[in-house]
Amino acid sequence: MKDEKIINHARQFLIDDFKLDDSWRLFKIMGEFVDGFETMANVGPAVSIFGSARLKPDNEAYIKAEEIAYRIANLGFSVITGGGGGIMEAANKGAAKADGTSVGLNIKLPFEQKPNPYANIELEFKYFFIRKVMFIKYAQAYVILPGGFGTLDEMFEALTLIQTKRIKPFPVILVGKSHWTGLVEWIKKELLTKELISEEDPYLFRLVDTPEEVEKSIIELLPSVQ
């Protein structure tokens, strides 16, 4: 019984689970990619919106996310989120309110993440890295509101891929100056002054405060927007 508990505990960590049955697991990975590509193929130009799953509807960032998504949908973009609660729910809700395409890319987690009811296109993933590909591949811009480790992970992965020219550059817009200014100043002080990044790297993202500024930035930075 003790050995069985140890094995089951180990299997909750997907990276370790690869050691158990690598060959059939590859087919599961391929299946998630195929489902994702087939579902997302007709989504059209989209903006991915990120932020905390923990924020409630009365939170300022939640309210901003809903309006931002509404404006983005009215510009003709689909809205892609992680499909959960908080900022993701707000963004899917705003896109749906504008009768836009509202995509939720949900991830199976032992806590926190449950699909919100506002996405009109839903996908569920077991593997984070496949889900990340969908965010990147189908996005013309990233809009990032306050969030935790997951939000920071998505932000820095996008910036790294743009910096290393692994993907075509696209706008990365940080929303909430009071939230992000400390991080931006740290990047300039600790990374730029120590030459750990290049002089142009802090310009890979834009810091704004309001839904109007997000809309204006997307219009300005994406030439295809009328």
C-alpha atoms as a PDB file:
ATOM      1  CA  MET A   1       0.000   0.000   0.000  1.00  0.00           C
ATOM      2  CA  LYS A   2       2.828   2.371   0.884  1.00  0.00           C
ATOM      3  CA  ASP A   3       4.598   1.682  -2.423  1.00  0.00           C
ATOM      4  CA  GLU A   4       1.359   2.303  -4.331  1.00  0.00           C
ATOM      5  CA  LYS A   5       0.926   5.702  -2.627  1.00  0.00           C
ATOM      6  CA  ILE A   6       4.474   6.665  -3.565  1.00  0.00           C
ATOM      7  CA  ILE A   7       3.873   5.741  -7.226  1.00  0.00           C
ATOM      8  CA  ASN A   8       0.558   7.632  -7.394  1.00  0.00           C
ATOM      9  CA  HIS A   9       2.191  10.676  -5.800  1.00  0.00           C
ATOM     10  CA  ALA A  10       4.965  10.612  -8.402  1.00  0.00           C
ATOM     11  CA  ARG A  11       2.501  10.361 -11.270  1.00  0.00           C
ATOM     12  CA  GLN A  12       0.881  13.695 -10.471  1.00  0.00           C
ATOM     13  CA  PHE A  13       4.068  15.370 -11.712  1.00  0.00           C
ATOM     14  CA  LEU A  14       3.805  15.085 -15.492  1.00  0.00           C
ATOM     15  CA  ILE A  15       7.472  15.619 -16.233  1.00  0.00           C
ATOM     16  CA  ASP A  16       8.360  12.557 -14.129  1.00  0.00           C
ATOM     17  CA  ASP A  17       5.520  10.533 -15.603  1.00  0.00           C
ATOM     18  CA  PHE A  18       7.296  10.480 -18.967  1.00  0.00           C
ATOM     19  CA  LYS A  19       9.561   7.770 -17.608  1.00  0.00           C
ATOM     20  CA  LEU A  20       6.695   5.314 -17.214  1.00  0.00           C
ATOM     21  CA  ASP A  21       5.330   4.803 -20.728  1.00  0.00           C
ATOM     22  CA  ASP A  22       7.054   7.274 -23.047  1.00  0.00           C
ATOM     23  CA  SER A  23       5.854   5.831 -26.345  1.00  0.00           C
ATOM     24  CA  TRP A  24       2.064   5.923 -25.793  1.00  0.00           C
ATOM     25  CA  ARG A  25       2.343   9.277 -24.042  1.00  0.00           C
ATOM     26  CA  LEU A  26       3.727  10.774 -27.245  1.00  0.00           C
ATOM     27  CA  PHE A  27       0.469   9.891 -28.976  1.00  0.00           C
ATOM     28  CA  LYS A  28      -1.455  11.769 -26.266  1.00  0.00           C
ATOM     29  CA  ILE A  29       0.754  14.792 -26.861  1.00  0.00           C
ATOM     30  CA  MET A  30       0.215  14.550 -30.609  1.00  0.00           C
ATOM     31  CA  GLY A  31      -3.533  14.247 -30.024  1.00  0.00           C
ATOM     32  CA  GLU A  32      -3.618  17.456 -27.963  1.00  0.00           C
ATOM     33  CA  PHE A  33      -1.683  19.283 -30.685  1.00  0.00           C
ATOM     34  CA  VAL A  34      -4.025  18.005 -33.408  1.00  0.00           C
ATOM     35  CA  ASP A  35      -7.163  18.931 -31.441  1.00  0.00           C
ATOM     36  CA  GLY A  36      -5.720  22.366 -30.756  1.00  0.00           C
ATOM     37  CA  PHE A  37      -4.693  23.077 -34.340  1.00  0.00           C
ATOM     38  CA  GLU A  38      -7.997  21.848 -35.772  1.00  0.00           C
ATOM     39  CA  THR A  39     -10.109  23.847 -33.318  1.00  0.00           C
ATOM     40  CA  MET A  40      -8.060  27.044 -33.539  1.00  0.00           C
ATOM     41  CA  ALA A  41      -7.590  27.030 -37.330  1.00  0.00           C
ATOM     42  CA  ASN A  42     -10.726  29.101 -37.956  1.00  0.00           C
ATOM     43  CA  VAL A  43     -10.438  31.441 -34.962  1.00  0.00           C
ATOM     44  CA  GLY A  44      -8.902  34.180 -37.088  1.00  0.00           C
ATOM     45  CA  PRO A  45      -6.781  37.096 -35.822  1.00  0.00           C
ATOM     46  CA  ALA A  46      -6.736  36.978 -32.046  1.00  0.00           C
ATOM     47  CA  VAL A  47      -5.398  38.632 -28.922  1.00  0.00           C
ATOM     48  CA  SER A  48      -4.383  36.528 -25.916  1.00  0.00           C
ATOM     49  CA  ILE A  49      -5.288  38.009 -22.516  1.00  0.00           C
ATOM     50  CA  PHE A  50      -3.618  36.862 -19.295  1.00  0.00           C
ATOM     51  CA  GLY A  51      -4.051  37.532 -15.601  1.00  0.00           C
ATOM     52  CA  SER A  52      -4.812  35.996 -12.237  1.00  0.00           C
ATOM     53  CA  ALA A  53      -7.474  33.316 -11.832  1.00  0.00           C
ATOM     54  CA  ARG A  54      -8.010  34.491  -8.246  1.00  0.00           C
ATOM     55  CA  LEU A  55      -9.474  37.952  -8.775  1.00  0.00           C
ATOM     56  CA  LYS A  56     -13.173  38.555  -8.137  1.00  0.00           C
ATOM     57  CA  PRO A  57     -15.676  40.484 -10.298  1.00  0.00           C
ATOM     58  CA  ASP A  58     -15.457  43.564  -8.062  1.00  0.00           C
ATOM     59  CA  ASN A  59     -11.673  43.802  -8.510  1.00  0.00           C
ATOM     60  CA  GLU A  60     -10.417  46.729 -10.601  1.00  0.00           C
ATOM     61  CA  ALA A  61      -8.302  44.477 -12.851  1.00  0.00           C
ATOM     62  CA  TYR A  62     -11.292  42.166 -13.482  1.00  0.00           C
ATOM     63  CA  ILE A  63     -13.418  45.134 -14.531  1.00  0.00           C
ATOM     64  CA  LYS A  64     -10.643  46.424 -16.798  1.00  0.00           C
ATOM     65  CA  ALA A  65     -10.161  42.990 -18.393  1.00  0.00           C
ATOM     66  CA  GLU A  66     -13.833  42.750 -19.287  1.00  0.00           C
ATOM     67  CA  GLU A  67     -13.835  46.155 -20.981  1.00  0.00           C
ATOM     68  CA  ILE A  68     -10.517  45.494 -22.724  1.00  0.00           C
ATOM     69  CA  ALA A  69     -11.837  42.254 -24.197  1.00  0.00           C
ATOM     70  CA  TYR A  70     -15.046  43.983 -25.262  1.00  0.00           C
ATOM     71  CA  ARG A  71     -13.052  46.639 -27.108  1.00  0.00           C
ATOM     72  CA  ILE A  72     -10.715  44.086 -28.677  1.00  0.00           C
ATOM     73  CA  ALA A  73     -13.656  42.014 -29.930  1.00  0.00           C
ATOM     74  CA  ASN A  74     -15.208  45.140 -31.429  1.00  0.00           C
ATOM     75  CA  LEU A  75     -11.956  45.697 -33.335  1.00  0.00           C
ATOM     76  CA  GLY A  76     -12.569  42.334 -35.014  1.00  0.00           C
ATOM     77  CA  PHE A  77     -10.198  40.162 -32.979  1.00  0.00           C
ATOM     78  CA  SER A  78     -10.988  36.911 -31.276  1.00  0.00           C
ATOM     79  CA  VAL A  79     -10.070  36.833 -27.586  1.00  0.00           C
ATOM     80  CA  ILE A  80      -8.061  33.912 -26.202  1.00  0.00           C
ATOM     81  CA  THR A  81      -7.706  33.208 -22.495  1.00  0.00           C
ATOM     82  CA  GLY A  82      -6.694  30.331 -20.273  1.00  0.00           C
ATOM     83  CA  GLY A  83     -10.373  29.540 -19.857  1.00  0.00           C
ATOM     84  CA  GLY A  84     -10.499  29.745 -16.046  1.00  0.00           C
ATOM     85  CA  GLY A  85     -11.797  32.252 -13.537  1.00  0.00           C
ATOM     86  CA  GLY A  86     -10.670  35.735 -12.555  1.00  0.00           C
ATOM     87  CA  ILE A  87      -9.121  37.771 -15.363  1.00  0.00           C
ATOM     88  CA  MET A  88      -9.695  34.916 -17.810  1.00  0.00           C
ATOM     89  CA  GLU A  89     -13.396  34.833 -17.012  1.00  0.00           C
ATOM     90  CA  ALA A  90     -13.617  38.611 -17.328  1.00  0.00           C
ATOM     91  CA  ALA A  91     -11.965  38.602 -20.738  1.00  0.00           C
ATOM     92  CA  ASN A  92     -14.136  35.782 -22.092  1.00  0.00           C
ATOM     93  CA  LYS A  93     -17.178  37.584 -20.710  1.00  0.00           C
ATOM     94  CA  GLY A  94     -16.250  40.861 -22.390  1.00  0.00           C
ATOM     95  CA  ALA A  95     -15.639  39.187 -25.750  1.00  0.00           C
ATOM     96  CA  ALA A  96     -18.934  37.297 -25.533  1.00  0.00           C
ATOM     97  CA  LYS A  97     -20.772  40.512 -24.628  1.00  0.00           C
ATOM     98  CA  ALA A  98     -19.468  42.021 -27.881  1.00  0.00           C
ATOM     99  CA  ASP A  99     -20.675  38.921 -29.789  1.00  0.00           C
ATOM    100  CA  GLY A 100     -17.052  38.113 -30.540  1.00  0.00           C
ATOM    101  CA  THR A 101     -15.194  34.829 -30.630  1.00  0.00           C
ATOM    102  CA  SER A 102     -14.306  33.994 -27.040  1.00  0.00           C
ATOM    103  CA  VAL A 103     -11.780  31.166 -26.683  1.00  0.00           C
ATOM    104  CA  GLY A 104     -10.941  29.377 -23.427  1.00  0.00           C
ATOM    105  CA  LEU A 105      -7.863  27.132 -23.352  1.00  0.00           C
ATOM    106  CA  ASN A 106      -8.393  25.380 -20.059  1.00  0.00           C
ATOM    107  CA  ILE A 107      -5.691  23.408 -18.237  1.00  0.00           C
ATOM    108  CA  LYS A 108      -6.329  20.443 -15.950  1.00  0.00           C
ATOM    109  CA  LEU A 109      -5.074  21.378 -12.487  1.00  0.00           C
ATOM    110  CA  PRO A 110      -5.587  19.823  -9.057  1.00  0.00           C
ATOM    111  CA  PHE A 111      -6.883  23.172  -7.771  1.00  0.00           C
ATOM    112  CA  GLU A 112      -8.047  26.624  -8.882  1.00  0.00           C
ATOM    113  CA  GLN A 113      -8.733  26.092 -12.566  1.00  0.00           C
ATOM    114  CA  LYS A 114     -12.328  25.462 -13.611  1.00  0.00           C
ATOM    115  CA  PRO A 115     -13.721  26.445 -17.035  1.00  0.00           C
ATOM    116  CA  ASN A 116     -15.688  29.673 -17.019  1.00  0.00           C
ATOM    117  CA  PRO A 117     -19.079  29.765 -18.805  1.00  0.00           C
ATOM    118  CA  TYR A 118     -18.285  32.634 -21.203  1.00  0.00           C
ATOM    119  CA  ALA A 119     -16.023  30.958 -23.765  1.00  0.00           C
ATOM    120  CA  ASN A 120     -17.849  29.950 -26.935  1.00  0.00           C
ATOM    121  CA  ILE A 121     -14.859  27.891 -28.080  1.00  0.00           C
ATOM    122  CA  GLU A 122     -13.368  25.599 -25.455  1.00  0.00           C
ATOM    123  CA  LEU A 123     -10.337  23.324 -25.351  1.00  0.00           C
ATOM    124  CA  GLU A 124      -8.874  21.446 -22.418  1.00  0.00           C
ATOM    125  CA  PHE A 125      -5.200  20.574 -22.093  1.00  0.00           C
ATOM    126  CA  LYS A 126      -3.217  18.280 -19.865  1.00  0.00           C
ATOM    127  CA  TYR A 127       0.167  19.673 -20.893  1.00  0.00           C
ATOM    128  CA  PHE A 128       1.121  23.296 -20.270  1.00  0.00           C
ATOM    129  CA  PHE A 129       3.614  23.444 -23.133  1.00  0.00           C
ATOM    130  CA  ILE A 130       0.974  22.514 -25.735  1.00  0.00           C
ATOM    131  CA  ARG A 131      -1.399  25.130 -24.366  1.00  0.00           C
ATOM    132  CA  LYS A 132       1.395  27.727 -24.562  1.00  0.00           C
ATOM    133  CA  VAL A 133       1.901  26.948 -28.248  1.00  0.00           C
ATOM    134  CA  MET A 134      -1.768  27.743 -28.880  1.00  0.00           C
ATOM    135  CA  PHE A 135      -1.500  31.099 -27.089  1.00  0.00           C
ATOM    136  CA  ILE A 136       1.558  32.082 -29.115  1.00  0.00           C
ATOM    137  CA  LYS A 137       0.638  30.644 -32.502  1.00  0.00           C
ATOM    138  CA  TYR A 138      -2.744  32.309 -32.819  1.00  0.00           C
ATOM    139  CA  ALA A 139      -2.078  35.656 -31.105  1.00  0.00           C
ATOM    140  CA  GLN A 140      -1.389  38.963 -32.825  1.00  0.00           C
ATOM    141  CA  ALA A 141      -0.834  40.565 -29.404  1.00  0.00           C
ATOM    142  CA  TYR A 142      -0.578  39.733 -25.699  1.00  0.00           C
ATOM    143  CA  VAL A 143      -2.460  41.780 -23.102  1.00  0.00           C
ATOM    144  CA  ILE A 144      -1.236  41.028 -19.581  1.00  0.00           C
ATOM    145  CA  LEU A 145      -3.042  42.126 -16.444  1.00  0.00           C
ATOM    146  CA  PRO A 146      -1.967  41.513 -12.833  1.00  0.00           C
ATOM    147  CA  GLY A 147      -1.311  37.874 -12.077  1.00  0.00           C
ATOM    148  CA  GLY A 148       0.950  35.394 -10.368  1.00  0.00           C
ATOM    149  CA  PHE A 149       3.603  32.936 -11.490  1.00  0.00           C
ATOM    150  CA  GLY A 150       1.559  31.630 -14.437  1.00  0.00           C
ATOM    151  CA  THR A 151       0.986  35.125 -15.793  1.00  0.00           C
ATOM    152  CA  LEU A 152       4.679  36.000 -15.402  1.00  0.00           C
ATOM    153  CA  ASP A 153       5.618  32.752 -17.119  1.00  0.00           C
ATOM    154  CA  GLU A 154       3.477  33.559 -20.168  1.00  0.00           C
ATOM    155  CA  MET A 155       4.829  37.112 -20.313  1.00  0.00           C
ATOM    156  CA  PHE A 156       8.508  36.219 -20.086  1.00  0.00           C
ATOM    157  CA  GLU A 157       8.202  33.300 -22.485  1.00  0.00           C
ATOM    158  CA  ALA A 158       6.696  35.586 -25.125  1.00  0.00           C
ATOM    159  CA  LEU A 159       9.382  38.229 -24.534  1.00  0.00           C
ATOM    160  CA  THR A 160      12.119  35.595 -24.742  1.00  0.00           C
ATOM    161  CA  LEU A 161      10.784  34.193 -28.018  1.00  0.00           C
ATOM    162  CA  ILE A 162      10.537  37.697 -29.489  1.00  0.00           C
ATOM    163  CA  GLN A 163      13.991  38.645 -28.172  1.00  0.00           C
ATOM    164  CA  THR A 164      15.603  35.517 -29.657  1.00  0.00           C
ATOM    165  CA  LYS A 165      13.665  35.935 -32.926  1.00  0.00           C
ATOM    166  CA  ARG A 166      11.968  32.558 -32.571  1.00  0.00           C
ATOM    167  CA  ILE A 167       8.612  34.170 -33.346  1.00  0.00           C
ATOM    168  CA  LYS A 168       7.509  37.225 -35.281  1.00  0.00           C
ATOM    169  CA  PRO A 169       7.435  40.279 -32.968  1.00  0.00           C
ATOM    170  CA  PHE A 170       4.012  41.265 -31.697  1.00  0.00           C
ATOM    171  CA  PRO A 171       2.752  43.781 -29.120  1.00  0.00           C
ATOM    172  CA  VAL A 172       3.081  42.770 -25.469  1.00  0.00           C
ATOM    173  CA  ILE A 173       0.961  45.179 -23.433  1.00  0.00           C
ATOM    174  CA  LEU A 174       1.157  45.275 -19.635  1.00  0.00           C
ATOM    175  CA  VAL A 175      -1.959  46.738 -18.004  1.00  0.00           C
ATOM    176  CA  GLY A 176      -1.784  48.389 -14.577  1.00  0.00           C
ATOM    177  CA  LYS A 177       1.055  50.791 -13.891  1.00  0.00           C
ATOM    178  CA  SER A 178       0.838  50.434 -10.114  1.00  0.00           C
ATOM    179  CA  HIS A 179       1.250  46.686 -10.472  1.00  0.00           C
ATOM    180  CA  TRP A 180       3.953  46.489 -13.138  1.00  0.00           C
ATOM    181  CA  THR A 181       6.119  49.587 -12.560  1.00  0.00           C
ATOM    182  CA  GLY A 182       8.248  47.946  -9.866  1.00  0.00           C
ATOM    183  CA  LEU A 183       9.053  45.014 -12.160  1.00  0.00           C
ATOM    184  CA  VAL A 184       9.786  47.293 -15.121  1.00  0.00           C
ATOM    185  CA  GLU A 185      12.152  49.418 -13.015  1.00  0.00           C
ATOM    186  CA  TRP A 186      13.878  46.269 -11.734  1.00  0.00           C
ATOM    187  CA  ILE A 187      14.367  45.035 -15.309  1.00  0.00           C
ATOM    188  CA  LYS A 188      16.004  48.339 -16.258  1.00  0.00           C
ATOM    189  CA  LYS A 189      18.101  48.611 -13.087  1.00  0.00           C
ATOM    190  CA  GLU A 190      19.214  45.022 -12.608  1.00  0.00           C
ATOM    191  CA  LEU A 191      19.149  43.562 -16.111  1.00  0.00           C
ATOM    192  CA  LEU A 192      19.801  46.479 -18.448  1.00  0.00           C
ATOM    193  CA  THR A 193      22.462  48.307 -16.426  1.00  0.00           C
ATOM    194  CA  LYS A 194      24.326  45.039 -15.862  1.00  0.00           C
ATOM    195  CA  GLU A 195      24.115  44.299 -19.605  1.00  0.00           C
ATOM    196  CA  LEU A 196      22.169  41.106 -19.039  1.00  0.00           C
ATOM    197  CA  ILE A 197      19.736  42.232 -21.728  1.00  0.00           C
ATOM    198  CA  SER A 198      20.148  44.508 -24.745  1.00  0.00           C
ATOM    199  CA  GLU A 199      19.243  48.203 -24.833  1.00  0.00           C
ATOM    200  CA  GLU A 200      16.232  47.552 -27.042  1.00  0.00           C
ATOM    201  CA  ASP A 201      14.777  44.757 -24.905  1.00  0.00           C
ATOM    202  CA  PRO A 202      12.795  46.963 -22.460  1.00  0.00           C
ATOM    203  CA  TYR A 203      10.949  48.255 -25.526  1.00  0.00           C
ATOM    204  CA  LEU A 204       9.605  44.789 -26.342  1.00  0.00           C
ATOM    205  CA  PHE A 205       6.630  45.598 -24.115  1.00  0.00           C
ATOM    206  CA  ARG A 206       4.430  48.616 -23.458  1.00  0.00           C
ATOM    207  CA  LEU A 207       3.065  49.690 -20.069  1.00  0.00           C
ATOM    208  CA  VAL A 208      -0.441  51.215 -19.992  1.00  0.00           C
ATOM    209  CA  ASP A 209      -3.183  51.790 -17.462  1.00  0.00           C
ATOM    210  CA  THR A 210      -6.597  51.918 -19.114  1.00  0.00           C
ATOM    211  CA  PRO A 211      -8.725  49.934 -21.598  1.00  0.00           C
ATOM    212  CA  GLU A 212      -8.640  52.964 -23.895  1.00  0.00           C
ATOM    213  CA  GLU A 213      -4.829  52.837 -23.929  1.00  0.00           C
ATOM    214  CA  VAL A 214      -4.891  49.120 -24.719  1.00  0.00           C
ATOM    215  CA  GLU A 215      -7.223  49.705 -27.657  1.00  0.00           C
ATOM    216  CA  LYS A 216      -5.109  52.619 -28.891  1.00  0.00           C
ATOM    217  CA  SER A 217      -1.914  50.555 -28.594  1.00  0.00           C
ATOM    218  CA  ILE A 218      -3.350  47.675 -30.599  1.00  0.00           C
ATOM    219  CA  ILE A 219      -4.546  50.021 -33.339  1.00  0.00           C
ATOM    220  CA  GLU A 220      -1.174  51.749 -33.389  1.00  0.00           C
ATOM    221  CA  LEU A 221       1.017  48.634 -33.215  1.00  0.00           C
ATOM    222  CA  LEU A 222      -0.943  46.373 -35.561  1.00  0.00           C
ATOM    223  CA  PRO A 223      -1.041  47.944 -39.033  1.00  0.00           C
ATOM    224  CA  SER A 224      -3.803  45.584 -40.179  1.00  0.00           C
ATOM    225  CA  VAL A 225      -6.300  47.145 -37.751  1.00  0.00           C
ATOM    226  CA  GLN A 226      -8.562  49.610 -39.498  1.00  0.00           C
END
